[in-house]
């Protein structure tokens, strides 16, 4: 069973491709039978996901230019969805 946690907002096609890709990885890497692999996608609203001490909703608003000068957010360079 694979659990995928991500911010909400992906399309049905994107979720389908994630399920297919994760299933393929389990089959290729672990030798699992395709029919035995389960994938659950947990979609979370941005205000329920925190990174770097702030909710992702703040980070998204900052990236969109709709947050004022919040020192917590202005202190570092943050990218939405980027690997840190």
Protein backbone atom coordinates (compact mmCIF):
# COMPACT_ATOMS: atom_id res chain seq x y z
CA UNK A 1 0.00 0.00 0.00
CA UNK A 2 1.45 3.34 -1.08
CA UNK A 3 0.24 6.58 0.49
CA UNK A 4 0.85 9.79 -1.43
CA UNK A 5 0.41 13.10 0.39
CA UNK A 6 0.16 16.23 -1.74
CA UNK A 7 -1.48 19.60 -1.90
CA UNK A 8 -4.95 19.58 -3.38
CA UNK A 9 -5.53 20.89 -6.87
CA UNK A 10 -4.18 18.20 -9.20
CA UNK A 11 -6.29 17.09 -12.13
CA UNK A 12 -7.83 13.66 -12.44
CA UNK A 13 -5.36 12.86 -15.21
CA UNK A 14 -2.39 13.84 -13.02
CA UNK A 15 -3.68 11.62 -10.19
CA UNK A 16 -4.21 8.74 -12.62
CA UNK A 17 -0.61 9.12 -13.81
CA UNK A 18 0.69 9.20 -10.22
CA UNK A 19 -1.20 5.98 -9.44
CA UNK A 20 0.13 4.32 -12.60
CA UNK A 21 3.71 5.48 -11.95
CA UNK A 22 3.76 4.43 -8.30
CA UNK A 23 2.29 1.06 -9.19
CA UNK A 24 4.89 0.56 -11.93
CA UNK A 25 7.69 1.45 -9.50
CA UNK A 26 6.52 -1.19 -7.00
CA UNK A 27 6.30 -3.79 -9.76
CA UNK A 28 9.71 -2.90 -11.22
CA UNK A 29 11.64 -2.43 -7.98
CA UNK A 30 9.96 -4.88 -5.61
CA UNK A 31 8.55 -7.47 -7.98
CA UNK A 32 5.01 -6.87 -6.71
CA UNK A 33 2.06 -8.11 -8.71
CA UNK A 34 0.30 -5.14 -10.29
CA UNK A 35 -3.09 -6.24 -8.95
CA UNK A 36 -1.71 -6.32 -5.39
CA UNK A 37 -0.43 -2.73 -5.36
CA UNK A 38 -2.72 -0.14 -3.79
CA UNK A 39 -2.23 3.62 -4.00
CA UNK A 40 -4.07 6.13 -1.81
CA UNK A 41 -3.79 9.82 -2.59
CA UNK A 42 -4.29 12.13 0.37
CA UNK A 43 -4.98 15.69 -0.81
CA UNK A 44 -4.49 18.41 1.74
CA UNK A 45 -5.44 22.07 1.62
CA UNK A 46 -2.40 24.36 1.65
CA UNK A 47 -3.32 25.79 5.06
CA UNK A 48 -3.03 22.26 6.54
CA UNK A 49 0.54 21.70 5.28
CA UNK A 50 3.48 23.50 6.83
CA UNK A 51 7.04 23.93 5.66
CA UNK A 52 9.79 26.11 7.08
CA UNK A 53 7.65 27.19 10.02
CA UNK A 54 4.74 28.55 7.98
CA UNK A 55 1.65 27.15 6.28
CA UNK A 56 2.06 26.46 2.57
CA UNK A 57 -0.91 28.77 1.98
CA UNK A 58 1.33 31.67 3.10
CA UNK A 59 4.08 30.48 0.77
CA UNK A 60 1.65 30.28 -2.15
CA UNK A 61 0.25 33.76 -1.43
CA UNK A 62 3.82 35.11 -1.21
CA UNK A 63 4.70 33.52 -4.56
CA UNK A 64 1.58 35.09 -6.04
CA UNK A 65 2.47 38.50 -4.59
CA UNK A 66 -0.56 38.73 -2.33
CA UNK A 67 1.20 38.76 1.07
CA UNK A 68 2.70 41.87 2.60
CA UNK A 69 6.04 42.01 4.35
CA UNK A 70 5.81 39.07 6.75
CA UNK A 71 9.37 38.66 8.09
CA UNK A 72 8.92 34.88 8.50
CA UNK A 73 8.26 34.58 4.78
CA UNK A 74 10.67 37.20 3.50
CA UNK A 75 13.69 35.72 5.29
CA UNK A 76 14.48 32.89 2.89
CA UNK A 77 14.04 31.96 -0.69
CA UNK A 78 11.20 29.50 -0.96
CA UNK A 79 9.88 27.77 -4.01
CA UNK A 80 6.50 26.11 -4.20
CA UNK A 81 6.88 22.38 -4.55
CA UNK A 82 10.67 22.57 -4.80
CA UNK A 83 12.98 20.10 -3.11
CA UNK A 84 14.89 21.60 -0.20
